[in-house]
Amino acid sequence: MRLQTEYLVERYQENIFRAAFSIVKNCADAEDMVQDTFLQYLRSDREFDSEEHIKAWLLRTAINRAKNLRMAFWHRNKVSLEDYLATIPFENPMDHELIDAVLSLPQKYRLVVHLYYYEDYSVREIAAVLTLSESAVKNRLLRGRQMLKNMLKEEWNDDE
């Protein structure tokens, strides 16, 4: 017995998500487990006895994938960005403040500032990577710099 994948997704994706989430404790990873489970069902040519058998197979597959993810080296050894930044030795304390300020920018400004200053991409290269016009990249760099200047000025004034 094989059922349409669309039907199974509609009917069981929430159950599979909850089962995976209970193991990985992360929405993005649980969503990945749901997607991987249904992809495995699509690729499989296995015949099932009943809909209950399919449901049990889907849940077991998701649980096994979630357990495998939890046991993966990178998953066990990942650290938060804040913890990682705490391990980096900065020669100047202002460098740490600058990194914190850049990371606190809204994503669209943070990304272009990072690519421009830390990855040494040109405005033209950033525009190509992000599929933006060069003027949009320049505008975001300008606004990002202004935000950084204001943030760092506030911190500087607070220290005095």
N, C-alpha and C. Protein backbone atom coordinates (compact mmCIF):
# COMPACT_ATOMS: atom_id res chain seq x y z
N MET A 1 0.84 -1.18 0.00
CA MET A 1 0.00 0.00 0.00
C MET A 1 0.88 1.24 0.00
N ARG A 2 0.59 2.19 -0.87
CA ARG A 2 1.28 3.47 -0.93
C ARG A 2 0.21 4.55 -0.99
N LEU A 3 0.40 5.62 -0.23
CA LEU A 3 -0.52 6.75 -0.26
C LEU A 3 0.19 7.95 -0.86
N GLN A 4 -0.59 8.89 -1.36
CA GLN A 4 -0.04 10.12 -1.93
C GLN A 4 0.72 10.89 -0.86
N THR A 5 1.88 11.40 -1.21
CA THR A 5 2.72 12.13 -0.27
C THR A 5 2.01 13.39 0.22
N GLU A 6 1.30 14.08 -0.66
CA GLU A 6 0.58 15.30 -0.27
C GLU A 6 -0.42 15.00 0.85
N TYR A 7 -1.11 13.89 0.72
CA TYR A 7 -2.07 13.48 1.75
C TYR A 7 -1.36 13.23 3.07
N LEU A 8 -0.24 12.53 3.01
CA LEU A 8 0.51 12.20 4.23
C LEU A 8 1.08 13.46 4.88
N VAL A 9 1.58 14.38 4.06
CA VAL A 9 2.11 15.63 4.60
C VAL A 9 1.02 16.39 5.33
N GLU A 10 -0.12 16.51 4.67
CA GLU A 10 -1.24 17.24 5.26
C GLU A 10 -1.70 16.59 6.57
N ARG A 11 -1.69 15.30 6.58
CA ARG A 11 -2.23 14.57 7.73
C ARG A 11 -1.24 14.40 8.89
N TYR A 12 0.05 14.20 8.59
CA TYR A 12 0.99 13.80 9.64
C TYR A 12 2.17 14.74 9.89
N GLN A 13 2.28 15.83 9.15
CA GLN A 13 3.46 16.67 9.35
C GLN A 13 3.55 17.24 10.76
N GLU A 14 2.43 17.58 11.36
CA GLU A 14 2.47 18.11 12.73
C GLU A 14 2.95 17.06 13.73
N ASN A 15 2.48 15.83 13.57
CA ASN A 15 2.91 14.74 14.46
C ASN A 15 4.42 14.50 14.34
N ILE A 16 4.88 14.49 13.11
CA ILE A 16 6.30 14.24 12.87
C ILE A 16 7.13 15.40 13.41
N PHE A 17 6.66 16.62 13.19
CA PHE A 17 7.37 17.80 13.70
C PHE A 17 7.50 17.73 15.22
N ARG A 18 6.40 17.43 15.90
CA ARG A 18 6.43 17.36 17.37
C ARG A 18 7.38 16.28 17.86
N ALA A 19 7.37 15.14 17.20
CA ALA A 19 8.27 14.05 17.60
C ALA A 19 9.73 14.46 17.41
N ALA A 20 10.04 15.06 16.27
CA ALA A 20 11.42 15.50 16.00
C ALA A 20 11.82 16.63 16.94
N PHE A 21 10.90 17.56 17.16
CA PHE A 21 11.21 18.70 18.04
C PHE A 21 11.51 18.25 19.46
N SER A 22 10.81 17.22 19.91
CA SER A 22 11.05 16.74 21.28
C SER A 22 12.47 16.20 21.44
N ILE A 23 13.11 15.85 20.33
CA ILE A 23 14.48 15.33 20.40
C ILE A 23 15.50 16.42 20.11
N VAL A 24 15.30 17.19 19.03
CA VAL A 24 16.32 18.17 18.64
C VAL A 24 16.15 19.51 19.35
N LYS A 25 14.95 19.79 19.86
CA LYS A 25 14.66 21.01 20.62
C LYS A 25 15.01 22.29 19.84
N ASN A 26 14.74 22.27 18.54
CA ASN A 26 15.03 23.39 17.67
C ASN A 26 14.06 23.33 16.50
N CYS A 27 13.32 24.42 16.27
CA CYS A 27 12.31 24.43 15.21
C CYS A 27 12.90 24.17 13.82
N ALA A 28 13.99 24.83 13.51
CA ALA A 28 14.58 24.67 12.17
C ALA A 28 15.02 23.23 11.94
N ASP A 29 15.68 22.64 12.93
CA ASP A 29 16.12 21.25 12.78
C ASP A 29 14.93 20.31 12.69
N ALA A 30 13.88 20.56 13.47
CA ALA A 30 12.69 19.71 13.42
C ALA A 30 12.01 19.81 12.06
N GLU A 31 11.96 21.02 11.49
CA GLU A 31 11.40 21.18 10.15
C GLU A 31 12.22 20.41 9.12
N ASP A 32 13.54 20.45 9.28
CA ASP A 32 14.40 19.68 8.38
C ASP A 32 14.11 18.18 8.50
N MET A 33 13.88 17.72 9.72
CA MET A 33 13.59 16.30 9.92
C MET A 33 12.29 15.91 9.23
N VAL A 34 11.29 16.79 9.30
CA VAL A 34 10.00 16.53 8.63
C VAL A 34 10.23 16.42 7.13
N GLN A 35 10.95 17.36 6.58
CA GLN A 35 11.21 17.36 5.15
C GLN A 35 12.01 16.12 4.74
N ASP A 36 13.04 15.80 5.49
CA ASP A 36 13.85 14.62 5.18
C ASP A 36 13.03 13.33 5.24
N THR A 37 12.13 13.28 6.21
CA THR A 37 11.29 12.08 6.36
C THR A 37 10.40 11.88 5.14
N PHE A 38 9.76 12.94 4.69
CA PHE A 38 8.89 12.80 3.53
C PHE A 38 9.69 12.57 2.25
N LEU A 39 10.87 13.13 2.17
CA LEU A 39 11.73 12.83 1.02
C LEU A 39 12.12 11.35 1.00
N GLN A 40 12.42 10.82 2.17
CA GLN A 40 12.76 9.39 2.24
C GLN A 40 11.56 8.54 1.83
N TYR A 41 10.37 8.94 2.24
CA TYR A 41 9.16 8.22 1.83
C TYR A 41 9.02 8.24 0.30
N LEU A 42 9.25 9.42 -0.29
CA LEU A 42 9.15 9.54 -1.75
C LEU A 42 10.16 8.66 -2.46
N ARG A 43 11.36 8.58 -1.94
CA ARG A 43 12.42 7.80 -2.58
C ARG A 43 12.27 6.30 -2.35
N SER A 44 11.57 5.95 -1.31
CA SER A 44 11.44 4.54 -0.97
C SER A 44 10.42 3.87 -1.89
N ASP A 45 10.66 2.61 -2.17
CA ASP A 45 9.69 1.84 -2.96
C ASP A 45 9.01 0.79 -2.08
N ARG A 46 9.11 0.99 -0.81
CA ARG A 46 8.56 0.06 0.17
C ARG A 46 7.03 0.04 0.12
N GLU A 47 6.46 -1.13 0.29
CA GLU A 47 5.01 -1.29 0.37
C GLU A 47 4.63 -1.44 1.84
N PHE A 48 3.53 -0.82 2.21
CA PHE A 48 3.08 -0.84 3.60
C PHE A 48 1.77 -1.60 3.71
N ASP A 49 1.49 -2.12 4.91
CA ASP A 49 0.28 -2.89 5.14
C ASP A 49 -0.95 -2.02 5.29
N SER A 50 -0.77 -0.85 5.93
CA SER A 50 -1.92 0.02 6.21
C SER A 50 -1.45 1.45 6.41
N GLU A 51 -2.40 2.35 6.57
CA GLU A 51 -2.05 3.74 6.84
C GLU A 51 -1.36 3.86 8.20
N GLU A 52 -1.78 3.07 9.16
CA GLU A 52 -1.12 3.07 10.48
C GLU A 52 0.33 2.63 10.35
N HIS A 53 0.59 1.67 9.50
CA HIS A 53 1.95 1.21 9.26
C HIS A 53 2.80 2.35 8.66
N ILE A 54 2.22 3.10 7.73
CA ILE A 54 2.92 4.24 7.12
C ILE A 54 3.21 5.29 8.18
N LYS A 55 2.20 5.59 9.00
CA LYS A 55 2.38 6.59 10.06
C LYS A 55 3.50 6.18 11.01
N ALA A 56 3.50 4.92 11.42
CA ALA A 56 4.54 4.43 12.33
C ALA A 56 5.91 4.52 11.66
N TRP A 57 5.99 4.18 10.36
CA TRP A 57 7.26 4.25 9.65
C TRP A 57 7.75 5.70 9.56
N LEU A 58 6.84 6.62 9.26
CA LEU A 58 7.21 8.03 9.18
C LEU A 58 7.74 8.54 10.52
N LEU A 59 7.04 8.21 11.59
CA LEU A 59 7.48 8.65 12.92
C LEU A 59 8.82 8.04 13.29
N ARG A 60 8.99 6.76 13.03
CA ARG A 60 10.25 6.08 13.36
C ARG A 60 11.40 6.69 12.56
N THR A 61 11.16 6.97 11.29
CA THR A 61 12.18 7.57 10.44
C THR A 61 12.58 8.95 10.96
N ALA A 62 11.58 9.76 11.30
CA ALA A 62 11.87 11.10 11.83
C ALA A 62 12.62 11.03 13.15
N ILE A 63 12.21 10.14 14.02
CA ILE A 63 12.88 9.99 15.32
C ILE A 63 14.32 9.54 15.13
N ASN A 64 14.54 8.58 14.25
CA ASN A 64 15.92 8.11 13.99
C ASN A 64 16.79 9.22 13.41
N ARG A 65 16.24 9.99 12.47
CA ARG A 65 16.99 11.10 11.89
C ARG A 65 17.30 12.15 12.95
N ALA A 66 16.34 12.44 13.81
CA ALA A 66 16.55 13.43 14.87
C ALA A 66 17.63 12.95 15.85
N LYS A 67 17.60 11.68 16.18
CA LYS A 67 18.63 11.13 17.07
C LYS A 67 20.01 11.19 16.41
N ASN A 68 20.05 10.87 15.13
CA ASN A 68 21.32 10.96 14.41
C ASN A 68 21.86 12.39 14.40
N LEU A 69 20.96 13.34 14.22
CA LEU A 69 21.38 14.74 14.23
C LEU A 69 21.93 15.13 15.60
N ARG A 70 21.25 14.71 16.65
CA ARG A 70 21.72 15.02 18.01
C ARG A 70 23.08 14.42 18.30
N MET A 71 23.37 13.28 17.68
CA MET A 71 24.65 12.60 17.92
C MET A 71 25.76 13.11 17.00
N ALA A 72 25.41 13.90 15.99
CA ALA A 72 26.41 14.39 15.04
C ALA A 72 27.43 15.27 15.76
N PHE A 73 28.66 15.18 15.34
CA PHE A 73 29.75 15.93 15.97
C PHE A 73 29.47 17.42 16.01
N TRP A 74 29.07 18.00 14.88
CA TRP A 74 28.88 19.44 14.82
C TRP A 74 27.74 19.89 15.73
N HIS A 75 26.73 19.05 15.88
CA HIS A 75 25.59 19.42 16.72
C HIS A 75 25.97 19.37 18.19
N ARG A 76 26.75 18.38 18.58
CA ARG A 76 27.17 18.27 19.97
C ARG A 76 28.14 19.35 20.37
N ASN A 77 28.91 19.85 19.40
CA ASN A 77 29.99 20.78 19.71
C ASN A 77 29.71 22.22 19.30
N LYS A 78 28.48 22.52 18.92
CA LYS A 78 28.20 23.89 18.52
C LYS A 78 28.07 24.77 19.76
N VAL A 79 28.43 26.02 19.59
CA VAL A 79 28.33 27.00 20.68
C VAL A 79 27.59 28.21 20.15
N SER A 80 27.04 28.97 21.04
CA SER A 80 26.34 30.18 20.62
C SER A 80 27.36 31.21 20.13
N LEU A 81 26.89 32.14 19.34
CA LEU A 81 27.76 33.18 18.81
C LEU A 81 28.39 33.98 19.95
N GLU A 82 27.62 34.27 20.97
CA GLU A 82 28.14 35.04 22.11
C GLU A 82 29.27 34.28 22.81
N ASP A 83 29.07 32.98 22.99
CA ASP A 83 30.12 32.18 23.63
C ASP A 83 31.38 32.13 22.76
N TYR A 84 31.18 32.01 21.45
CA TYR A 84 32.32 31.97 20.55
C TYR A 84 33.08 33.29 20.59
N LEU A 85 32.35 34.40 20.54
CA LEU A 85 33.01 35.71 20.57
C LEU A 85 33.78 35.92 21.87
N ALA A 86 33.29 35.33 22.95
CA ALA A 86 33.98 35.47 24.24
C ALA A 86 35.34 34.77 24.22
N THR A 87 35.52 33.78 23.33
CA THR A 87 36.79 33.06 23.28
C THR A 87 37.82 33.73 22.39
N ILE A 88 37.40 34.70 21.58
CA ILE A 88 38.33 35.37 20.67
C ILE A 88 39.08 36.45 21.42
N PRO A 89 40.41 36.37 21.40
CA PRO A 89 41.18 37.43 22.07
C PRO A 89 41.26 38.68 21.18
N PHE A 90 40.76 39.78 21.66
CA PHE A 90 40.84 41.05 20.94
C PHE A 90 41.98 41.87 21.52
N GLU A 91 42.82 42.42 20.63
CA GLU A 91 43.93 43.24 21.09
C GLU A 91 43.42 44.51 21.75
N ASN A 92 42.35 45.04 21.18
CA ASN A 92 41.79 46.29 21.66
C ASN A 92 40.34 46.04 22.08
N PRO A 93 39.95 46.45 23.27
CA PRO A 93 38.54 46.24 23.69
C PRO A 93 37.53 46.89 22.75
N MET A 94 37.96 47.94 22.04
CA MET A 94 37.06 48.60 21.09
C MET A 94 36.69 47.66 19.94
N ASP A 95 37.60 46.73 19.58
CA ASP A 95 37.30 45.77 18.52
C ASP A 95 36.11 44.91 18.89
N HIS A 96 36.05 44.50 20.15
CA HIS A 96 34.93 43.68 20.63
C HIS A 96 33.63 44.47 20.57
N GLU A 97 33.70 45.73 20.96
CA GLU A 97 32.50 46.59 20.91
C GLU A 97 32.03 46.77 19.47
N LEU A 98 32.99 46.90 18.55
CA LEU A 98 32.64 47.07 17.15
C LEU A 98 31.95 45.82 16.61
N ILE A 99 32.49 44.65 16.92
CA ILE A 99 31.86 43.39 16.48
C ILE A 99 30.45 43.30 17.04
N ASP A 100 30.28 43.60 18.31
CA ASP A 100 28.94 43.56 18.91
C ASP A 100 28.00 44.53 18.21
N ALA A 101 28.50 45.71 17.88
CA ALA A 101 27.66 46.70 17.20
C ALA A 101 27.27 46.22 15.80
N VAL A 102 28.22 45.66 15.07
CA VAL A 102 27.92 45.14 13.72
C VAL A 102 26.88 44.04 13.81
N LEU A 103 27.04 43.15 14.79
CA LEU A 103 26.08 42.04 14.92
C LEU A 103 24.69 42.50 15.34
N SER A 104 24.60 43.68 15.92
CA SER A 104 23.29 44.17 16.35
C SER A 104 22.57 44.96 15.25
N LEU A 105 23.25 45.19 14.12
CA LEU A 105 22.60 45.87 13.00
C LEU A 105 21.47 45.01 12.43
N PRO A 106 20.46 45.63 11.83
CA PRO A 106 19.46 44.84 11.10
C PRO A 106 20.16 44.03 10.00
N GLN A 107 19.61 42.88 9.68
CA GLN A 107 20.29 41.93 8.79
C GLN A 107 20.72 42.53 7.47
N LYS A 108 19.88 43.32 6.82
CA LYS A 108 20.25 43.81 5.49
C LYS A 108 21.46 44.74 5.53
N TYR A 109 21.65 45.45 6.64
CA TYR A 109 22.84 46.30 6.78
C TYR A 109 24.02 45.49 7.29
N ARG A 110 23.77 44.60 8.22
CA ARG A 110 24.83 43.76 8.80
C ARG A 110 25.52 42.95 7.70
N LEU A 111 24.74 42.41 6.78
CA LEU A 111 25.28 41.55 5.74
C LEU A 111 26.22 42.32 4.81
N VAL A 112 25.80 43.49 4.34
CA VAL A 112 26.67 44.23 3.43
C VAL A 112 27.90 44.78 4.16
N VAL A 113 27.74 45.21 5.41
CA VAL A 113 28.90 45.69 6.18
C VAL A 113 29.88 44.54 6.39
N HIS A 114 29.37 43.37 6.72
CA HIS A 114 30.24 42.21 6.93
C HIS A 114 30.97 41.86 5.64
N LEU A 115 30.24 41.75 4.54
CA LEU A 115 30.88 41.38 3.27
C LEU A 115 31.91 42.41 2.84
N TYR A 116 31.63 43.68 3.06
CA TYR A 116 32.53 44.74 2.61
C TYR A 116 33.78 44.84 3.49
N TYR A 117 33.59 44.87 4.80
CA TYR A 117 34.72 45.12 5.69
C TYR A 117 35.44 43.87 6.17
N TYR A 118 34.73 42.79 6.36
CA TYR A 118 35.37 41.59 6.91
C TYR A 118 35.75 40.57 5.85
N GLU A 119 35.02 40.54 4.74
CA GLU A 119 35.31 39.58 3.67
C GLU A 119 35.99 40.25 2.47
N ASP A 120 36.15 41.57 2.51
CA ASP A 120 36.83 42.34 1.46
C ASP A 120 36.19 42.20 0.08
N TYR A 121 34.86 42.13 0.03
CA TYR A 121 34.16 42.13 -1.25
C TYR A 121 34.00 43.58 -1.71
N SER A 122 34.02 43.78 -3.00
CA SER A 122 33.76 45.11 -3.54
C SER A 122 32.24 45.33 -3.60
N VAL A 123 31.86 46.59 -3.82
CA VAL A 123 30.43 46.90 -3.94
C VAL A 123 29.83 46.12 -5.10
N ARG A 124 30.55 46.04 -6.20
CA ARG A 124 30.06 45.30 -7.37
C ARG A 124 29.85 43.82 -7.04
N GLU A 125 30.81 43.21 -6.33
CA GLU A 125 30.70 41.80 -5.97
C GLU A 125 29.53 41.56 -5.01
N ILE A 126 29.36 42.46 -4.05
CA ILE A 126 28.24 42.32 -3.10
C ILE A 126 26.92 42.42 -3.85
N ALA A 127 26.84 43.36 -4.78
CA ALA A 127 25.61 43.52 -5.57
C ALA A 127 25.30 42.24 -6.34
N ALA A 128 26.34 41.62 -6.90
CA ALA A 128 26.12 40.38 -7.65
C ALA A 128 25.68 39.24 -6.73
N VAL A 129 26.31 39.12 -5.57
CA VAL A 129 25.99 38.03 -4.64
C VAL A 129 24.56 38.17 -4.09
N LEU A 130 24.19 39.39 -3.75
CA LEU A 130 22.88 39.62 -3.13
C LEU A 130 21.79 39.98 -4.14
N THR A 131 22.13 39.98 -5.40
CA THR A 131 21.22 40.38 -6.49
C THR A 131 20.55 41.73 -6.18
N LEU A 132 21.41 42.69 -5.89
CA LEU A 132 20.98 44.07 -5.66
C LEU A 132 21.69 44.97 -6.66
N SER A 133 21.21 46.18 -6.80
CA SER A 133 21.94 47.14 -7.62
C SER A 133 23.11 47.67 -6.80
N GLU A 134 24.11 48.17 -7.49
CA GLU A 134 25.27 48.73 -6.78
C GLU A 134 24.86 49.92 -5.92
N SER A 135 23.91 50.71 -6.40
CA SER A 135 23.46 51.86 -5.60
C SER A 135 22.75 51.40 -4.32
N ALA A 136 22.03 50.28 -4.39
CA ALA A 136 21.38 49.76 -3.18
C ALA A 136 22.43 49.30 -2.16
N VAL A 137 23.49 48.67 -2.65
CA VAL A 137 24.57 48.23 -1.76
C VAL A 137 25.23 49.45 -1.12
N LYS A 138 25.54 50.46 -1.92
CA LYS A 138 26.16 51.68 -1.39
C LYS A 138 25.26 52.34 -0.35
N ASN A 139 23.96 52.35 -0.63
CA ASN A 139 23.00 52.94 0.29
C ASN A 139 22.99 52.18 1.62
N ARG A 140 22.99 50.85 1.54
CA ARG A 140 22.99 50.03 2.76
C ARG A 140 24.29 50.20 3.54
N LEU A 141 25.39 50.30 2.84
CA LEU A 141 26.66 50.55 3.52
C LEU A 141 26.63 51.89 4.24
N LEU A 142 26.13 52.90 3.57
CA LEU A 142 26.04 54.23 4.18
C LEU A 142 25.17 54.20 5.43
N ARG A 143 23.99 53.62 5.32
CA ARG A 143 23.09 53.54 6.47
C ARG A 143 23.65 52.67 7.59
N GLY A 144 24.29 51.58 7.21
CA GLY A 144 24.93 50.72 8.22
C GLY A 144 26.01 51.46 8.97
N ARG A 145 26.84 52.21 8.24
CA ARG A 145 27.90 53.00 8.88
C ARG A 145 27.31 54.05 9.82
N GLN A 146 26.22 54.69 9.38
CA GLN A 146 25.57 55.70 10.23
C GLN A 146 25.03 55.07 11.51
N MET A 147 24.41 53.91 11.38
CA MET A 147 23.90 53.22 12.57
C MET A 147 25.05 52.85 13.51
N LEU A 148 26.13 52.33 12.94
CA LEU A 148 27.29 51.97 13.77
C LEU A 148 27.86 53.19 14.47
N LYS A 149 27.97 54.29 13.75
CA LYS A 149 28.49 55.52 14.33
C LYS A 149 27.63 55.95 15.51
N ASN A 150 26.31 55.90 15.34
CA ASN A 150 25.40 56.29 16.42
C ASN A 150 25.50 55.34 17.61
N MET A 151 25.56 54.04 17.34
CA MET A 151 25.66 53.06 18.42
C MET A 151 26.95 53.23 19.21
N LEU A 152 28.04 53.37 18.48
CA LEU A 152 29.34 53.47 19.14
C LEU A 152 29.50 54.81 19.85
N LYS A 153 28.88 55.86 19.30
CA LYS A 153 28.92 57.16 19.96
C LYS A 153 28.16 57.10 21.28
N GLU A 154 27.01 56.42 21.28
CA GLU A 154 26.24 56.26 22.52
C GLU A 154 27.04 55.51 23.56
N GLU A 155 27.71 54.42 23.15
CA GLU A 155 28.52 53.65 24.10
C GLU A 155 29.68 54.49 24.61
N TRP A 156 30.28 55.28 23.73
CA TRP A 156 31.40 56.13 24.12
C TRP A 156 30.91 57.16 25.14
N ASN A 157 29.74 57.78 24.90
CA ASN A 157 29.20 58.77 25.83
C ASN A 157 28.80 58.15 27.15
N ASP A 158 28.29 56.90 27.11
CA ASP A 158 27.92 56.21 28.34
C ASP A 158 29.14 55.92 29.20
N ASP A 159 30.29 55.68 28.57
CA ASP A 159 31.51 55.36 29.33
C ASP A 159 32.08 56.58 30.03
N GLU A 160 31.76 57.76 29.58
CA GLU A 160 32.37 58.96 30.17
C GLU A 160 31.67 59.37 31.45
